[in-house]
């Protein structure tokens, strides 16, 4: 549940205004995003900033700390700068440069696609030493979904998944090692976390930033492109203009697709499911099926 600006504790609002250097005239909440208990563009006499916050004892509070730690490592011009962070009255608050723009169109004929590929390519210019401590490989190793399903299949398991369950278990077992690496990854690239204005793309919301193989972020975008109407083949052709994707071993991409399908399907069955979870899981299944048939 997201809080309105006026619903935040008085001490929190006062501390934020002190950091901003002025009184908040209006707080404009975004349409997308639900990982923060508070998020809004704050309109002040001297301009705008974007602010997000969460209670310090919330299970997702680590995400705000992770984003704050990663922000100084991000390329200037590709991600909003973190201006300040504070802890007050049990809340963690972050203030960012305001990033203008609209969320991009990912449909096959969209003129936004070239700029997105350029931005993702630019993200790979980060040095290996800039990678965060959080590891995507470790994150995936903790939740072997297909192995669990092999022991206790859910009643609604898709027939194709049931037929290929042994192979999915094998691919999932290899995935953590294959996605490991020293690149700084966003791991949640999707239209809601991209802003485009005058042909330039900003990548926002780095809460899930992790260390891993450089081709992983383009791979996540393949699924999002398919959700926007691309075929598996055309989505992969788009990704091929990104150097990191061209270096990805085919077997690693196939293991990635199988593992994402398991993780997203598991989330769809959980209390954390969102309205779009089932659709994304179906798209991930189509891609995994394409990868396995091609292999």
Protein backbone atom coordinates (compact mmCIF):
# COMPACT_ATOMS: atom_id res chain seq x y z
CA UNK A 1 0.00 0.00 0.00
CA UNK A 2 1.41 3.37 -1.02
CA UNK A 3 1.14 6.33 1.32
CA UNK A 4 0.10 9.82 0.28
CA UNK A 5 2.50 12.65 1.13
CA UNK A 6 0.16 14.03 3.80
CA UNK A 7 -0.05 10.58 5.42
CA UNK A 8 3.68 10.45 6.18
CA UNK A 9 4.73 11.28 9.76
CA UNK A 10 5.26 14.98 10.40
CA UNK A 11 8.93 14.49 11.24
CA UNK A 12 9.50 12.64 7.95
CA UNK A 13 7.89 15.38 5.87
CA UNK A 14 9.81 18.08 7.73
CA UNK A 15 13.12 16.25 7.21
CA UNK A 16 12.42 15.77 3.51
CA UNK A 17 11.56 19.44 3.05
CA UNK A 18 14.75 20.40 4.85
CA UNK A 19 16.75 18.23 2.48
CA UNK A 20 14.89 19.71 -0.50
CA UNK A 21 15.49 23.25 0.70
CA UNK A 22 11.87 24.31 0.50
CA UNK A 23 8.24 23.50 1.14
CA UNK A 24 6.51 20.81 -0.87
CA UNK A 25 3.73 22.46 -2.86
CA UNK A 26 2.42 19.29 -4.50
CA UNK A 27 3.27 15.58 -4.40
CA UNK A 28 2.50 13.81 -7.67
CA UNK A 29 2.41 10.03 -7.32
CA UNK A 30 3.47 7.91 -10.33
CA UNK A 31 1.06 5.56 -12.05
CA UNK A 32 3.54 2.67 -11.99
CA UNK A 33 5.73 1.19 -9.27
CA UNK A 34 4.82 -0.56 -6.06
CA UNK A 35 8.08 -1.52 -4.34
CA UNK A 36 8.09 1.64 -2.20
CA UNK A 37 5.56 2.58 0.44
CA UNK A 38 5.90 6.17 -0.71
CA UNK A 39 6.97 7.51 -4.09
CA UNK A 40 6.19 10.85 -5.69
CA UNK A 41 7.52 13.76 -7.67
CA UNK A 42 7.73 16.58 -5.16
CA UNK A 43 7.02 20.02 -6.57
CA UNK A 44 8.85 22.81 -4.75
CA UNK A 45 9.36 26.52 -5.25
CA UNK A 46 12.76 25.82 -6.76
CA UNK A 47 11.90 22.85 -8.96
CA UNK A 48 11.15 19.15 -8.64
CA UNK A 49 12.75 16.05 -7.17
CA UNK A 50 11.66 12.43 -7.08
CA UNK A 51 11.34 10.95 -3.61
CA UNK A 52 10.73 7.38 -2.50
CA UNK A 53 10.59 5.88 0.95
CA UNK A 54 9.80 2.85 3.03
CA UNK A 55 9.60 1.97 6.70
CA UNK A 56 12.92 0.68 7.99
CA UNK A 57 11.35 -2.52 9.33
CA UNK A 58 9.60 -3.36 6.05
CA UNK A 59 10.79 -6.63 4.41
CA UNK A 60 11.63 -4.71 1.21
CA UNK A 61 13.68 -2.00 2.95
CA UNK A 62 16.90 -3.64 1.74
CA UNK A 63 15.96 -2.61 -1.81
CA UNK A 64 16.24 1.07 -0.93
CA UNK A 65 19.63 0.53 0.66
CA UNK A 66 20.73 -1.41 -2.40
CA UNK A 67 19.62 1.34 -4.76
CA UNK A 68 21.38 4.01 -2.69
CA UNK A 69 24.63 2.01 -2.70
CA UNK A 70 24.54 1.40 -6.46
CA UNK A 71 23.56 4.91 -7.58
CA UNK A 72 27.06 6.49 -7.45
CA UNK A 73 28.28 3.73 -9.77
CA UNK A 74 25.77 4.45 -12.55
CA UNK A 75 26.69 6.33 -15.74
CA UNK A 76 25.93 10.04 -15.62
CA UNK A 77 23.02 10.82 -17.92
CA UNK A 78 21.65 7.27 -17.94
CA UNK A 79 20.23 7.23 -14.41
CA UNK A 80 18.98 9.99 -12.08
CA UNK A 81 21.50 11.07 -9.43
CA UNK A 82 20.75 10.32 -5.78
CA UNK A 83 20.74 13.75 -4.10
CA UNK A 84 20.26 12.66 -0.49
CA UNK A 85 19.13 9.88 1.79
CA UNK A 86 17.87 10.03 5.33
CA UNK A 87 16.53 7.86 8.12
CA UNK A 88 13.95 9.51 10.35
CA UNK A 89 11.08 8.34 12.54
CA UNK A 90 11.43 4.75 11.35
CA UNK A 91 11.45 5.65 7.65
CA UNK A 92 14.16 5.43 4.98
CA UNK A 93 13.82 8.18 2.38
CA UNK A 94 15.71 8.74 -0.88
CA UNK A 95 15.70 11.90 -2.99
CA UNK A 96 16.67 11.77 -6.68
CA UNK A 97 17.06 14.19 -9.52
CA UNK A 98 13.76 14.50 -11.31
CA UNK A 99 13.83 12.59 -14.59
CA UNK A 100 11.43 13.85 -17.23
CA UNK A 101 10.03 11.79 -20.07
CA UNK A 102 7.51 9.16 -21.01
CA UNK A 103 7.64 5.40 -20.77
CA UNK A 104 8.75 3.94 -24.12
CA UNK A 105 6.75 2.01 -26.67
CA UNK A 106 8.16 -1.48 -27.21
CA UNK A 107 5.89 -2.60 -30.07
CA UNK A 108 7.61 -3.92 -33.21
CA UNK A 109 7.31 -0.68 -35.19
CA UNK A 110 8.31 1.64 -32.33
CA UNK A 111 10.97 4.27 -33.01
CA UNK A 112 11.98 3.99 -29.34
CA UNK A 113 13.68 0.61 -29.78
CA UNK A 114 16.96 1.94 -31.15
CA UNK A 115 17.41 4.37 -28.25
CA UNK A 116 16.73 1.61 -25.72
CA UNK A 117 19.36 -0.62 -27.31
CA UNK A 118 21.83 2.26 -27.23
CA UNK A 119 21.15 2.89 -23.53
CA UNK A 120 21.54 -0.77 -22.58
CA UNK A 121 24.80 -0.91 -24.54
CA UNK A 122 26.04 2.17 -22.67
CA UNK A 123 25.29 0.55 -19.32
CA UNK A 124 27.87 -2.11 -20.10
CA UNK A 125 30.61 0.51 -20.08
CA UNK A 126 30.70 0.21 -16.29
CA UNK A 127 33.91 -1.22 -14.94
CA UNK A 128 33.73 -4.67 -13.29
CA UNK A 129 34.76 -3.20 -9.94
CA UNK A 130 31.51 -1.19 -9.95
CA UNK A 131 29.37 -4.29 -9.50
CA UNK A 132 27.33 -4.51 -6.28
CA UNK A 133 27.76 -7.19 -3.66
CA UNK A 134 24.37 -8.74 -4.42
CA UNK A 135 24.78 -11.64 -6.84
CA UNK A 136 22.12 -12.76 -9.30
CA UNK A 137 23.62 -16.25 -9.22
CA UNK A 138 23.19 -16.46 -5.45
CA UNK A 139 19.66 -15.06 -5.71
CA UNK A 140 18.64 -17.74 -8.20
CA UNK A 141 20.36 -20.58 -6.38
CA UNK A 142 18.16 -19.98 -3.33
CA UNK A 143 14.92 -20.79 -5.15
CA UNK A 144 15.10 -23.90 -7.35
CA UNK A 145 11.47 -23.79 -8.53
CA UNK A 146 11.59 -26.57 -11.11
CA UNK A 147 13.32 -28.91 -8.68
CA UNK A 148 10.56 -28.26 -6.15
CA UNK A 149 7.88 -28.80 -8.79
CA UNK A 150 9.47 -32.10 -9.80
CA UNK A 151 8.97 -33.31 -6.22
CA UNK A 152 5.54 -31.75 -5.74
CA UNK A 153 3.94 -30.47 -8.98
CA UNK A 154 1.26 -27.80 -8.58
CA UNK A 155 -2.18 -28.80 -9.80
CA UNK A 156 -2.21 -26.02 -12.41
CA UNK A 157 1.18 -26.83 -13.92
CA UNK A 158 1.10 -26.08 -17.66
CA UNK A 159 1.01 -29.28 -19.79
CA UNK A 160 4.11 -28.24 -21.75
CA UNK A 161 5.98 -27.56 -18.51
CA UNK A 162 4.89 -30.94 -17.11
CA UNK A 163 6.10 -32.72 -20.26
CA UNK A 164 9.49 -30.98 -20.17
CA UNK A 165 9.92 -30.86 -16.40
CA UNK A 166 13.08 -33.04 -16.27
CA UNK A 167 14.79 -30.80 -18.84
CA UNK A 168 13.66 -27.64 -17.02
CA UNK A 169 15.14 -29.01 -13.80
CA UNK A 170 18.46 -29.60 -15.58
CA UNK A 171 18.56 -26.12 -17.09
CA UNK A 172 17.65 -24.46 -13.79
CA UNK A 173 20.50 -26.29 -12.06
CA UNK A 174 23.04 -24.82 -14.49
CA UNK A 175 21.60 -21.29 -14.59
CA UNK A 176 23.24 -19.75 -11.47
CA UNK A 177 26.73 -20.48 -12.75
CA UNK A 178 25.86 -19.31 -16.27
CA UNK A 179 24.40 -15.95 -15.20
CA UNK A 180 27.29 -15.23 -12.84
CA UNK A 181 29.65 -12.41 -13.76
CA UNK A 182 31.07 -9.07 -12.71
CA UNK A 183 28.76 -6.67 -14.60
CA UNK A 184 26.37 -4.32 -12.84
CA UNK A 185 22.85 -5.41 -13.81
CA UNK A 186 19.49 -3.72 -13.41
CA UNK A 187 17.58 -7.07 -13.60
CA UNK A 188 14.17 -5.36 -13.91
CA UNK A 189 14.31 -3.66 -17.29
CA UNK A 190 10.76 -3.00 -18.46
CA UNK A 191 8.84 0.02 -19.79
CA UNK A 192 7.94 1.26 -16.32
CA UNK A 193 11.63 1.59 -15.44
CA UNK A 194 12.61 3.43 -18.62
CA UNK A 195 11.97 7.07 -19.48
CA UNK A 196 12.57 8.59 -22.90
CA UNK A 197 12.69 12.24 -23.88
CA UNK A 198 14.13 13.77 -27.05
CA UNK A 199 15.49 10.37 -28.02
CA UNK A 200 17.48 9.92 -24.81
CA UNK A 201 16.70 7.09 -22.38
CA UNK A 202 16.98 7.17 -18.59
CA UNK A 203 17.00 3.91 -16.62
CA UNK A 204 15.30 4.32 -13.26
CA UNK A 205 14.53 2.22 -10.17
CA UNK A 206 17.73 0.25 -9.52
CA UNK A 207 16.37 -1.44 -6.40
CA UNK A 208 17.03 -4.95 -7.81
CA UNK A 209 20.55 -4.16 -9.02
CA UNK A 210 22.80 -7.21 -8.90
CA UNK A 211 26.12 -8.54 -10.12
CA UNK A 212 26.04 -10.96 -13.04
CA UNK A 213 26.74 -11.67 -16.71
CA UNK A 214 26.48 -8.62 -18.98
CA UNK A 215 24.00 -10.27 -21.36
CA UNK A 216 21.34 -10.73 -18.66
CA UNK A 217 19.70 -7.29 -18.98
CA UNK A 218 19.24 -7.65 -22.77
CA UNK A 219 17.75 -11.10 -22.09
CA UNK A 220 15.16 -9.61 -19.75
CA UNK A 221 14.30 -7.10 -22.47
CA UNK A 222 13.67 -9.93 -24.95
CA UNK A 223 10.76 -11.10 -22.79
CA UNK A 224 9.39 -7.56 -22.50
CA UNK A 225 9.58 -7.13 -26.27
CA UNK A 226 7.66 -10.36 -26.75
CA UNK A 227 5.03 -9.08 -24.32
CA UNK A 228 4.72 -6.02 -26.57
CA UNK A 229 4.05 -8.12 -29.67
CA UNK A 230 7.44 -9.27 -30.98
CA UNK A 231 8.03 -12.87 -31.97
CA UNK A 232 10.84 -14.69 -30.16
CA UNK A 233 12.91 -14.45 -33.31
CA UNK A 234 12.41 -10.71 -33.83
CA UNK A 235 13.04 -9.96 -30.15
CA UNK A 236 16.33 -11.84 -30.30
CA UNK A 237 17.27 -10.06 -33.53
CA UNK A 238 16.73 -6.75 -31.71
CA UNK A 239 18.94 -7.93 -28.85
CA UNK A 240 21.68 -8.92 -31.30
CA UNK A 241 22.60 -5.24 -31.82
CA UNK A 242 23.82 -5.17 -28.20
CA UNK A 243 27.42 -6.47 -27.98
CA UNK A 244 26.92 -8.20 -24.63
CA UNK A 245 24.06 -10.26 -26.06
CA UNK A 246 26.14 -11.37 -29.03
CA UNK A 247 28.70 -12.76 -26.60
CA UNK A 248 26.14 -14.82 -24.66
CA UNK A 249 26.46 -18.61 -25.06
CA UNK A 250 23.27 -20.06 -26.53
CA UNK A 251 23.06 -22.66 -23.75
CA UNK A 252 23.26 -19.94 -21.12
CA UNK A 253 20.39 -17.99 -22.70
CA UNK A 254 18.28 -21.15 -22.83
CA UNK A 255 18.96 -21.86 -19.15
CA UNK A 256 18.08 -18.23 -18.39
CA UNK A 257 14.75 -18.50 -20.22
CA UNK A 258 13.85 -21.72 -18.41
CA UNK A 259 14.73 -20.31 -15.01
CA UNK A 260 12.85 -17.05 -15.50
CA UNK A 261 9.79 -19.05 -16.51
CA UNK A 262 9.98 -21.02 -13.28
CA UNK A 263 10.51 -17.95 -11.10
CA UNK A 264 7.75 -15.91 -12.72
CA UNK A 265 5.34 -18.85 -12.68
CA UNK A 266 6.06 -19.37 -9.01
CA UNK A 267 5.35 -15.70 -8.33
CA UNK A 268 2.10 -15.90 -10.29
CA UNK A 269 0.95 -18.60 -7.88
CA UNK A 270 1.96 -16.60 -4.81
CA UNK A 271 0.34 -13.85 -2.79
CA UNK A 272 2.83 -11.42 -4.36
CA UNK A 273 1.29 -11.89 -7.82
CA UNK A 274 0.38 -8.73 -9.70
CA UNK A 275 -2.35 -8.36 -12.34
CA UNK A 276 0.15 -8.72 -15.20
CA UNK A 277 2.03 -11.71 -13.70
CA UNK A 278 0.05 -14.39 -15.56
CA UNK A 279 0.55 -12.68 -18.93
CA UNK A 280 4.29 -12.30 -18.38
CA UNK A 281 4.56 -15.94 -17.33
CA UNK A 282 2.81 -17.00 -20.55
CA UNK A 283 5.26 -14.88 -22.57
CA UNK A 284 8.21 -16.37 -20.69
CA UNK A 285 6.83 -19.83 -21.44
CA UNK A 286 6.66 -19.05 -25.16
CA UNK A 287 10.28 -17.95 -25.12
CA UNK A 288 11.48 -20.97 -23.14
CA UNK A 289 9.59 -23.23 -25.53
CA UNK A 290 11.20 -21.48 -28.49
CA UNK A 291 14.66 -21.85 -26.95
CA UNK A 292 14.22 -25.53 -26.12
CA UNK A 293 12.85 -26.36 -29.56
CA UNK A 294 15.70 -24.48 -31.22
CA UNK A 295 18.21 -26.35 -29.09
